[in-house]
PDB file of N, CA and C in Angstrom:
ATOM      1  N   MET A   1     -15.804 -14.238  -4.565  1.00  0.00           N
ATOM      2  CA  MET A   1     -14.366 -14.379  -4.636  1.00  0.00           C
ATOM      3  C   MET A   1     -13.953 -14.513  -6.096  1.00  0.00           C
ATOM      4  N   TYR A   2     -12.866 -13.846  -6.434  1.00  0.00           N
ATOM      5  CA  TYR A   2     -12.321 -13.907  -7.786  1.00  0.00           C
ATOM      6  C   TYR A   2     -10.911 -14.476  -7.722  1.00  0.00           C
ATOM      7  N   GLY A   3     -10.484 -15.040  -8.791  1.00  0.00           N
ATOM      8  CA  GLY A   3      -9.133 -15.546  -8.882  1.00  0.00           C
ATOM      9  C   GLY A   3      -8.568 -15.292 -10.261  1.00  0.00           C
ATOM     10  N   PHE A   4      -7.256 -15.240 -10.344  1.00  0.00           N
ATOM     11  CA  PHE A   4      -6.611 -15.130 -11.643  1.00  0.00           C
ATOM     12  C   PHE A   4      -5.237 -15.764 -11.563  1.00  0.00           C
ATOM     13  N   ILE A   5      -4.744 -16.158 -12.695  1.00  0.00           N
ATOM     14  CA  ILE A   5      -3.473 -16.863 -12.773  1.00  0.00           C
ATOM     15  C   ILE A   5      -2.422 -15.916 -13.350  1.00  0.00           C
ATOM     16  N   LEU A   6      -1.277 -15.878 -12.679  1.00  0.00           N
ATOM     17  CA  LEU A   6      -0.164 -15.046 -13.124  1.00  0.00           C
ATOM     18  C   LEU A   6       1.081 -15.908 -13.284  1.00  0.00           C
ATOM     19  N   ASN A   7       1.866 -15.602 -14.291  1.00  0.00           N
ATOM     20  CA  ASN A   7       3.168 -16.256 -14.351  1.00  0.00           C
ATOM     21  C   ASN A   7       4.130 -15.449 -13.472  1.00  0.00           C
ATOM     22  N   GLU A   8       5.353 -15.921 -13.314  1.00  0.00           N
ATOM     23  CA  GLU A   8       6.309 -15.283 -12.401  1.00  0.00           C
ATOM     24  C   GLU A   8       6.602 -13.831 -12.790  1.00  0.00           C
ATOM     25  N   MET A   9       6.737 -13.570 -14.064  1.00  0.00           N
ATOM     26  CA  MET A   9       7.018 -12.206 -14.518  1.00  0.00           C
ATOM     27  C   MET A   9       5.842 -11.270 -14.206  1.00  0.00           C
ATOM     28  N   GLU A  10       4.634 -11.732 -14.429  1.00  0.00           N
ATOM     29  CA  GLU A  10       3.443 -10.926 -14.139  1.00  0.00           C
ATOM     30  C   GLU A  10       3.303 -10.693 -12.633  1.00  0.00           C
ATOM     31  N   LYS A  11       3.643 -11.699 -11.852  1.00  0.00           N
ATOM     32  CA  LYS A  11       3.602 -11.566 -10.391  1.00  0.00           C
ATOM     33  C   LYS A  11       4.557 -10.475  -9.928  1.00  0.00           C
ATOM     34  N   LYS A  12       5.772 -10.492 -10.454  1.00  0.00           N
ATOM     35  CA  LYS A  12       6.756  -9.478 -10.085  1.00  0.00           C
ATOM     36  C   LYS A  12       6.302  -8.079 -10.517  1.00  0.00           C
ATOM     37  N   GLU A  13       5.705  -7.974 -11.680  1.00  0.00           N
ATOM     38  CA  GLU A  13       5.198  -6.687 -12.157  1.00  0.00           C
ATOM     39  C   GLU A  13       4.065  -6.190 -11.263  1.00  0.00           C
ATOM     40  N   PHE A  14       3.180  -7.089 -10.850  1.00  0.00           N
ATOM     41  CA  PHE A  14       2.076  -6.716  -9.974  1.00  0.00           C
ATOM     42  C   PHE A  14       2.610  -6.245  -8.621  1.00  0.00           C
ATOM     43  N   GLU A  15       3.580  -6.949  -8.069  1.00  0.00           N
ATOM     44  CA  GLU A  15       4.225  -6.528  -6.821  1.00  0.00           C
ATOM     45  C   GLU A  15       4.829  -5.140  -6.977  1.00  0.00           C
ATOM     46  N   TYR A  16       5.530  -4.924  -8.076  1.00  0.00           N
ATOM     47  CA  TYR A  16       6.166  -3.634  -8.338  1.00  0.00           C
ATOM     48  C   TYR A  16       5.121  -2.515  -8.371  1.00  0.00           C
ATOM     49  N   LEU A  17       4.024  -2.732  -9.077  1.00  0.00           N
ATOM     50  CA  LEU A  17       2.976  -1.715  -9.173  1.00  0.00           C
ATOM     51  C   LEU A  17       2.364  -1.415  -7.808  1.00  0.00           C
ATOM     52  N   LEU A  18       2.125  -2.450  -7.025  1.00  0.00           N
ATOM     53  CA  LEU A  18       1.566  -2.241  -5.692  1.00  0.00           C
ATOM     54  C   LEU A  18       2.536  -1.460  -4.806  1.00  0.00           C
ATOM     55  N   LYS A  19       3.817  -1.809  -4.851  1.00  0.00           N
ATOM     56  CA  LYS A  19       4.810  -1.096  -4.042  1.00  0.00           C
ATOM     57  C   LYS A  19       4.897   0.372  -4.434  1.00  0.00           C
ATOM     58  N   ARG A  20       4.920   0.641  -5.729  1.00  0.00           N
ATOM     59  CA  ARG A  20       5.005   2.042  -6.177  1.00  0.00           C
ATOM     60  C   ARG A  20       3.790   2.848  -5.723  1.00  0.00           C
ATOM     61  N   GLU A  21       2.619   2.249  -5.823  1.00  0.00           N
ATOM     62  CA  GLU A  21       1.400   2.946  -5.413  1.00  0.00           C
ATOM     63  C   GLU A  21       1.397   3.187  -3.901  1.00  0.00           C
ATOM     64  N   MET A  22       1.819   2.191  -3.128  1.00  0.00           N
ATOM     65  CA  MET A  22       1.868   2.369  -1.674  1.00  0.00           C
ATOM     66  C   MET A  22       2.899   3.424  -1.284  1.00  0.00           C
ATOM     67  N   GLU A  23       4.040   3.442  -1.955  1.00  0.00           N
ATOM     68  CA  GLU A  23       5.057   4.456  -1.668  1.00  0.00           C
ATOM     69  C   GLU A  23       4.552   5.857  -1.989  1.00  0.00           C
ATOM     70  N   GLU A  24       3.816   5.985  -3.060  1.00  0.00           N
ATOM     71  CA  GLU A  24       3.235   7.278  -3.434  1.00  0.00           C
ATOM     72  C   GLU A  24       2.244   7.744  -2.364  1.00  0.00           C
ATOM     73  N   LEU A  25       1.435   6.816  -1.875  1.00  0.00           N
ATOM     74  CA  LEU A  25       0.479   7.160  -0.818  1.00  0.00           C
ATOM     75  C   LEU A  25       1.197   7.552   0.469  1.00  0.00           C
ATOM     76  N   ILE A  26       2.277   6.865   0.795  1.00  0.00           N
ATOM     77  CA  ILE A  26       3.044   7.203   1.996  1.00  0.00           C
ATOM     78  C   ILE A  26       3.565   8.633   1.900  1.00  0.00           C
ATOM     79  N   LEU A  27       4.101   8.989   0.752  1.00  0.00           N
ATOM     80  CA  LEU A  27       4.591  10.360   0.566  1.00  0.00           C
ATOM     81  C   LEU A  27       3.465  11.373   0.735  1.00  0.00           C
ATOM     82  N   ASP A  28       2.326  11.093   0.145  1.00  0.00           N
ATOM     83  CA  ASP A  28       1.192  12.014   0.234  1.00  0.00           C
ATOM     84  C   ASP A  28       0.639  12.093   1.653  1.00  0.00           C
ATOM     85  N   LEU A  29       0.649  10.989   2.373  1.00  0.00           N
ATOM     86  CA  LEU A  29       0.153  11.001   3.751  1.00  0.00           C
ATOM     87  C   LEU A  29       1.021  11.860   4.660  1.00  0.00           C
ATOM     88  N   ASN A  30       2.269  12.033   4.308  1.00  0.00           N
ATOM     89  CA  ASN A  30       3.167  12.875   5.097  1.00  0.00           C
ATOM     90  C   ASN A  30       3.068  14.345   4.730  1.00  0.00           C
ATOM     91  N   SER A  31       2.296  14.667   3.728  1.00  0.00           N
ATOM     92  CA  SER A  31       2.130  16.055   3.308  1.00  0.00           C
ATOM     93  C   SER A  31       1.162  16.777   4.235  1.00  0.00           C
ATOM     94  N   ARG A  32       1.510  17.975   4.623  1.00  0.00           N
ATOM     95  CA  ARG A  32       0.631  18.787   5.470  1.00  0.00           C
ATOM     96  C   ARG A  32      -0.406  19.530   4.642  1.00  0.00           C
ATOM     97  N   ASN A  33      -0.279  19.516   3.343  1.00  0.00           N
ATOM     98  CA  ASN A  33      -1.180  20.265   2.468  1.00  0.00           C
ATOM     99  C   ASN A  33      -2.450  19.510   2.104  1.00  0.00           C
ATOM    100  N   ILE A  34      -2.554  18.266   2.517  1.00  0.00           N
ATOM    101  CA  ILE A  34      -3.702  17.441   2.136  1.00  0.00           C
ATOM    102  C   ILE A  34      -4.683  17.372   3.303  1.00  0.00           C
ATOM    103  N   ASP A  35      -5.940  17.602   3.008  1.00  0.00           N
ATOM    104  CA  ASP A  35      -7.010  17.612   4.002  1.00  0.00           C
ATOM    105  C   ASP A  35      -7.138  16.251   4.688  1.00  0.00           C
ATOM    106  N   HIS A  36      -7.544  16.269   5.968  1.00  0.00           N
ATOM    107  CA  HIS A  36      -7.642  15.025   6.739  1.00  0.00           C
ATOM    108  C   HIS A  36      -8.685  14.059   6.167  1.00  0.00           C
ATOM    109  N   VAL A  37      -9.735  14.580   5.539  1.00  0.00           N
ATOM    110  CA  VAL A  37     -10.752  13.711   4.930  1.00  0.00           C
ATOM    111  C   VAL A  37     -10.145  12.945   3.752  1.00  0.00           C
ATOM    112  N   VAL A  38      -9.338  13.636   2.985  1.00  0.00           N
ATOM    113  CA  VAL A  38      -8.659  13.005   1.849  1.00  0.00           C
ATOM    114  C   VAL A  38      -7.654  11.972   2.359  1.00  0.00           C
ATOM    115  N   LYS A  39      -6.958  12.314   3.430  1.00  0.00           N
ATOM    116  CA  LYS A  39      -5.985  11.374   3.993  1.00  0.00           C
ATOM    117  C   LYS A  39      -6.664  10.109   4.504  1.00  0.00           C
ATOM    118  N   ARG A  40      -7.854  10.244   5.043  1.00  0.00           N
ATOM    119  CA  ARG A  40      -8.582   9.061   5.511  1.00  0.00           C
ATOM    120  C   ARG A  40      -8.861   8.120   4.338  1.00  0.00           C
ATOM    121  N   ALA A  41      -9.296   8.688   3.221  1.00  0.00           N
ATOM    122  CA  ALA A  41      -9.544   7.876   2.022  1.00  0.00           C
ATOM    123  C   ALA A  41      -8.245   7.252   1.517  1.00  0.00           C
ATOM    124  N   MET A  42      -7.156   7.998   1.619  1.00  0.00           N
ATOM    125  CA  MET A  42      -5.859   7.477   1.190  1.00  0.00           C
ATOM    126  C   MET A  42      -5.420   6.313   2.076  1.00  0.00           C
ATOM    127  N   ARG A  43      -5.666   6.423   3.392  1.00  0.00           N
ATOM    128  CA  ARG A  43      -5.317   5.321   4.302  1.00  0.00           C
ATOM    129  C   ARG A  43      -6.129   4.073   3.975  1.00  0.00           C
ATOM    130  N   GLU A  44      -7.410   4.262   3.663  1.00  0.00           N
ATOM    131  CA  GLU A  44      -8.249   3.118   3.290  1.00  0.00           C
ATOM    132  C   GLU A  44      -7.721   2.453   2.021  1.00  0.00           C
ATOM    133  N   ARG A  45      -7.332   3.275   1.059  1.00  0.00           N
ATOM    134  CA  ARG A  45      -6.768   2.738  -0.187  1.00  0.00           C
ATOM    135  C   ARG A  45      -5.464   1.993   0.095  1.00  0.00           C
ATOM    136  N   TYR A  46      -4.617   2.567   0.950  1.00  0.00           N
ATOM    137  CA  TYR A  46      -3.354   1.927   1.295  1.00  0.00           C
ATOM    138  C   TYR A  46      -3.608   0.553   1.915  1.00  0.00           C
ATOM    139  N   GLN A  47      -4.559   0.484   2.825  1.00  0.00           N
ATOM    140  CA  GLN A  47      -4.843  -0.785   3.487  1.00  0.00           C
ATOM    141  C   GLN A  47      -5.325  -1.835   2.486  1.00  0.00           C
ATOM    142  N   LEU A  48      -6.135  -1.426   1.544  1.00  0.00           N
ATOM    143  CA  LEU A  48      -6.594  -2.350   0.502  1.00  0.00           C
ATOM    144  C   LEU A  48      -5.416  -2.838  -0.344  1.00  0.00           C
ATOM    145  N   LEU A  49      -4.553  -1.920  -0.754  1.00  0.00           N
ATOM    146  CA  LEU A  49      -3.378  -2.294  -1.547  1.00  0.00           C
ATOM    147  C   LEU A  49      -2.454  -3.217  -0.752  1.00  0.00           C
ATOM    148  N   PHE A  50      -2.297  -2.932   0.539  1.00  0.00           N
ATOM    149  CA  PHE A  50      -1.433  -3.770   1.371  1.00  0.00           C
ATOM    150  C   PHE A  50      -1.987  -5.188   1.490  1.00  0.00           C
ATOM    151  N   ARG A  51      -3.296  -5.316   1.631  1.00  0.00           N
ATOM    152  CA  ARG A  51      -3.899  -6.661   1.692  1.00  0.00           C
ATOM    153  C   ARG A  51      -3.615  -7.438   0.405  1.00  0.00           C
ATOM    154  N   LEU A  52      -3.686  -6.776  -0.734  1.00  0.00           N
ATOM    155  CA  LEU A  52      -3.337  -7.428  -2.002  1.00  0.00           C
ATOM    156  C   LEU A  52      -1.852  -7.792  -2.029  1.00  0.00           C
ATOM    157  N   PHE A  53      -1.020  -6.850  -1.592  1.00  0.00           N
ATOM    158  CA  PHE A  53       0.425  -7.044  -1.604  1.00  0.00           C
ATOM    159  C   PHE A  53       0.830  -8.250  -0.752  1.00  0.00           C
ATOM    160  N   LYS A  54       0.185  -8.432   0.397  1.00  0.00           N
ATOM    161  CA  LYS A  54       0.514  -9.553   1.288  1.00  0.00           C
ATOM    162  C   LYS A  54       0.329 -10.901   0.612  1.00  0.00           C
ATOM    163  N   ARG A  55      -0.546 -10.974  -0.345  1.00  0.00           N
ATOM    164  CA  ARG A  55      -0.804 -12.246  -1.024  1.00  0.00           C
ATOM    165  C   ARG A  55       0.325 -12.639  -1.973  1.00  0.00           C
ATOM    166  N   PHE A  56       1.119 -11.671  -2.389  1.00  0.00           N
ATOM    167  CA  PHE A  56       2.154 -11.927  -3.389  1.00  0.00           C
ATOM    168  C   PHE A  56       3.573 -11.829  -2.839  1.00  0.00           C
ATOM    169  N   ALA A  57       3.790 -10.919  -1.934  1.00  0.00           N
ATOM    170  CA  ALA A  57       5.150 -10.620  -1.487  1.00  0.00           C
ATOM    171  C   ALA A  57       5.577 -11.534  -0.347  1.00  0.00           C
ATOM    172  N   ASP A  58       6.896 -11.676  -0.200  1.00  0.00           N
ATOM    173  CA  ASP A  58       7.389 -12.461   0.924  1.00  0.00           C
ATOM    174  C   ASP A  58       7.326 -11.614   2.202  1.00  0.00           C
ATOM    175  N   LYS A  59       7.507 -12.282   3.322  1.00  0.00           N
ATOM    176  CA  LYS A  59       7.310 -11.640   4.624  1.00  0.00           C
ATOM    177  C   LYS A  59       8.227 -10.431   4.825  1.00  0.00           C
ATOM    178  N   SER A  60       9.476 -10.535   4.407  1.00  0.00           N
ATOM    179  CA  SER A  60      10.414  -9.422   4.605  1.00  0.00           C
ATOM    180  C   SER A  60       9.987  -8.183   3.817  1.00  0.00           C
ATOM    181  N   GLU A  61       9.434  -8.383   2.637  1.00  0.00           N
ATOM    182  CA  GLU A  61       8.922  -7.252   1.850  1.00  0.00           C
ATOM    183  C   GLU A  61       7.691  -6.649   2.513  1.00  0.00           C
ATOM    184  N   CYS A  62       6.825  -7.493   3.032  1.00  0.00           N
ATOM    185  CA  CYS A  62       5.605  -7.009   3.695  1.00  0.00           C
ATOM    186  C   CYS A  62       5.937  -6.158   4.913  1.00  0.00           C
ATOM    187  N   MET A  63       6.988  -6.533   5.634  1.00  0.00           N
ATOM    188  CA  MET A  63       7.365  -5.793   6.839  1.00  0.00           C
ATOM    189  C   MET A  63       7.692  -4.331   6.526  1.00  0.00           C
ATOM    190  N   LYS A  64       8.186  -4.066   5.343  1.00  0.00           N
ATOM    191  CA  LYS A  64       8.543  -2.695   4.949  1.00  0.00           C
ATOM    192  C   LYS A  64       7.322  -1.810   4.758  1.00  0.00           C
ATOM    193  N   TYR A  65       6.174  -2.425   4.520  1.00  0.00           N
ATOM    194  CA  TYR A  65       4.981  -1.661   4.154  1.00  0.00           C
ATOM    195  C   TYR A  65       3.835  -1.822   5.154  1.00  0.00           C
ATOM    196  N   ILE A  66       4.124  -2.291   6.362  1.00  0.00           N
ATOM    197  CA  ILE A  66       3.070  -2.476   7.361  1.00  0.00           C
ATOM    198  C   ILE A  66       2.373  -1.138   7.598  1.00  0.00           C
ATOM    199  N   PRO A  67       1.053  -1.105   7.456  1.00  0.00           N
ATOM    200  CA  PRO A  67       0.321   0.165   7.559  1.00  0.00           C
ATOM    201  C   PRO A  67       0.529   0.915   8.868  1.00  0.00           C
ATOM    202  N   SER A  68       0.636   0.240   9.987  1.00  0.00           N
ATOM    203  CA  SER A  68       0.749   0.933  11.271  1.00  0.00           C
ATOM    204  C   SER A  68       1.996   1.813  11.355  1.00  0.00           C
ATOM    205  N   LYS A  69       3.014   1.518  10.555  1.00  0.00           N
ATOM    206  CA  LYS A  69       4.220   2.349  10.535  1.00  0.00           C
ATOM    207  C   LYS A  69       3.935   3.733   9.967  1.00  0.00           C
ATOM    208  N   TYR A  70       2.909   3.844   9.140  1.00  0.00           N
ATOM    209  CA  TYR A  70       2.649   5.086   8.426  1.00  0.00           C
ATOM    210  C   TYR A  70       1.380   5.795   8.869  1.00  0.00           C
ATOM    211  N   PHE A  71       0.617   5.185   9.770  1.00  0.00           N
ATOM    212  CA  PHE A  71      -0.676   5.752  10.138  1.00  0.00           C
ATOM    213  C   PHE A  71      -0.707   6.222  11.579  1.00  0.00           C
ATOM    214  N   SER A  72       0.365   6.824  12.041  1.00  0.00           N
ATOM    215  CA  SER A  72       0.350   7.355  13.399  1.00  0.00           C
ATOM    216  C   SER A  72      -0.549   8.585  13.446  1.00  0.00           C
ATOM    217  N   SER A  73      -0.860   9.022  14.628  1.00  0.00           N
ATOM    218  CA  SER A  73      -1.826  10.111  14.790  1.00  0.00           C
ATOM    219  C   SER A  73      -1.355  11.421  14.165  1.00  0.00           C
ATOM    220  N   HIS A  74      -0.053  11.628  14.023  1.00  0.00           N
ATOM    221  CA  HIS A  74       0.409  12.904  13.460  1.00  0.00           C
ATOM    222  C   HIS A  74       0.173  13.014  11.954  1.00  0.00           C
ATOM    223  N   LEU A  75      -0.232  11.926  11.312  1.00  0.00           N
ATOM    224  CA  LEU A  75      -0.479  11.989   9.872  1.00  0.00           C
ATOM    225  C   LEU A  75      -1.873  12.489   9.555  1.00  0.00           C
ATOM    226  N   GLY A  76      -2.673  12.586  10.560  1.00  0.00           N
ATOM    227  CA  GLY A  76      -3.861  13.150  10.412  1.00  0.00           C
ATOM    228  C   GLY A  76      -5.087  13.116   9.872  1.00  0.00           C
TER     229      GLY A  76
END
Protein backbone atom coordinates (compact mmCIF):
# COMPACT_ATOMS: atom_id res chain seq x y z
CA MET A 1 0.00 0.00 0.00
CA TYR A 2 1.20 3.48 -0.86
CA GLY A 3 0.06 6.83 0.39
CA PHE A 4 0.65 10.45 -0.43
CA ILE A 5 -0.43 13.78 0.92
CA LEU A 6 -2.20 16.37 -1.22
CA ASN A 7 -3.32 19.85 -0.41
CA GLU A 8 -6.79 20.98 -1.54
CA MET A 9 -5.55 22.49 -4.80
CA GLU A 10 -3.62 19.33 -5.72
CA LYS A 11 -6.65 17.21 -4.85
CA LYS A 12 -8.84 19.23 -7.20
CA GLU A 13 -6.23 18.98 -9.96
CA PHE A 14 -5.99 15.21 -9.50
CA GLU A 15 -9.80 14.91 -9.69
CA TYR A 16 -9.79 17.03 -12.84
CA LEU A 17 -7.14 14.85 -14.50
CA LEU A 18 -8.99 11.66 -13.62
CA LYS A 19 -12.29 13.02 -14.96
CA ARG A 20 -10.72 14.14 -18.23
CA GLU A 21 -9.06 10.76 -18.74
CA MET A 22 -12.29 8.88 -17.97
CA GLU A 23 -14.26 11.12 -20.34
CA GLU A 24 -11.72 10.47 -23.09
CA LEU A 25 -12.05 6.73 -22.55
CA ILE A 26 -15.85 6.97 -22.65
CA LEU A 27 -15.67 8.70 -26.02
CA ASP A 28 -13.28 6.08 -27.37
CA LEU A 29 -15.40 3.21 -26.04
CA ASN A 30 -18.31 4.50 -28.09
CA SER A 31 -16.24 4.44 -31.27
CA ARG A 32 -16.98 1.63 -33.71
CA ASN A 33 -13.49 1.91 -35.20
CA ILE A 34 -11.68 0.48 -32.18
CA ASP A 35 -11.08 -3.27 -31.92
CA HIS A 36 -12.85 -5.16 -29.11
CA VAL A 37 -9.51 -6.31 -27.63
CA VAL A 38 -8.41 -2.69 -27.32
CA LYS A 39 -11.76 -1.76 -25.82
CA ARG A 40 -11.35 -4.45 -23.18
CA ALA A 41 -8.03 -2.90 -22.13
CA MET A 42 -9.68 0.52 -22.14
CA ARG A 43 -12.47 -0.74 -19.84
CA GLU A 44 -9.87 -2.14 -17.45
CA ARG A 45 -8.07 1.21 -17.43
CA TYR A 46 -11.36 3.03 -16.85
CA GLN A 47 -12.18 0.83 -13.88
CA LEU A 48 -8.76 1.49 -12.35
CA LEU A 49 -9.16 5.25 -12.84
CA PHE A 50 -12.67 5.13 -11.37
CA ARG A 51 -11.40 3.34 -8.24
CA LEU A 52 -8.87 6.15 -7.77
CA PHE A 53 -11.52 8.78 -8.48
CA LYS A 54 -13.86 7.35 -5.81
CA ARG A 55 -11.25 8.06 -3.16
CA PHE A 56 -11.24 11.79 -3.91
CA ALA A 57 -14.58 12.79 -5.36
CA ASP A 58 -17.87 13.25 -3.59
CA LYS A 59 -20.72 10.80 -4.16
CA SER A 60 -22.61 12.97 -6.66
CA GLU A 61 -19.51 13.27 -8.85
CA CYS A 62 -18.89 9.53 -8.66
CA MET A 63 -22.44 8.81 -9.83
CA LYS A 64 -21.66 10.54 -13.14
CA TYR A 65 -18.82 8.15 -13.88
CA ILE A 66 -20.15 4.77 -12.69
CA PRO A 67 -18.57 2.21 -15.04
CA SER A 68 -21.73 0.16 -15.61
CA LYS A 69 -23.31 3.15 -17.39
CA TYR A 70 -20.66 2.93 -20.09
CA PHE A 71 -19.92 -0.79 -20.33
CA SER A 72 -23.10 -2.20 -21.81
CA SER A 73 -22.81 -5.06 -24.25
CA HIS A 74 -23.14 -2.82 -27.33
CA LEU A 75 -19.79 -1.19 -26.56
CA GLY A 76 -18.10 -4.28 -27.37
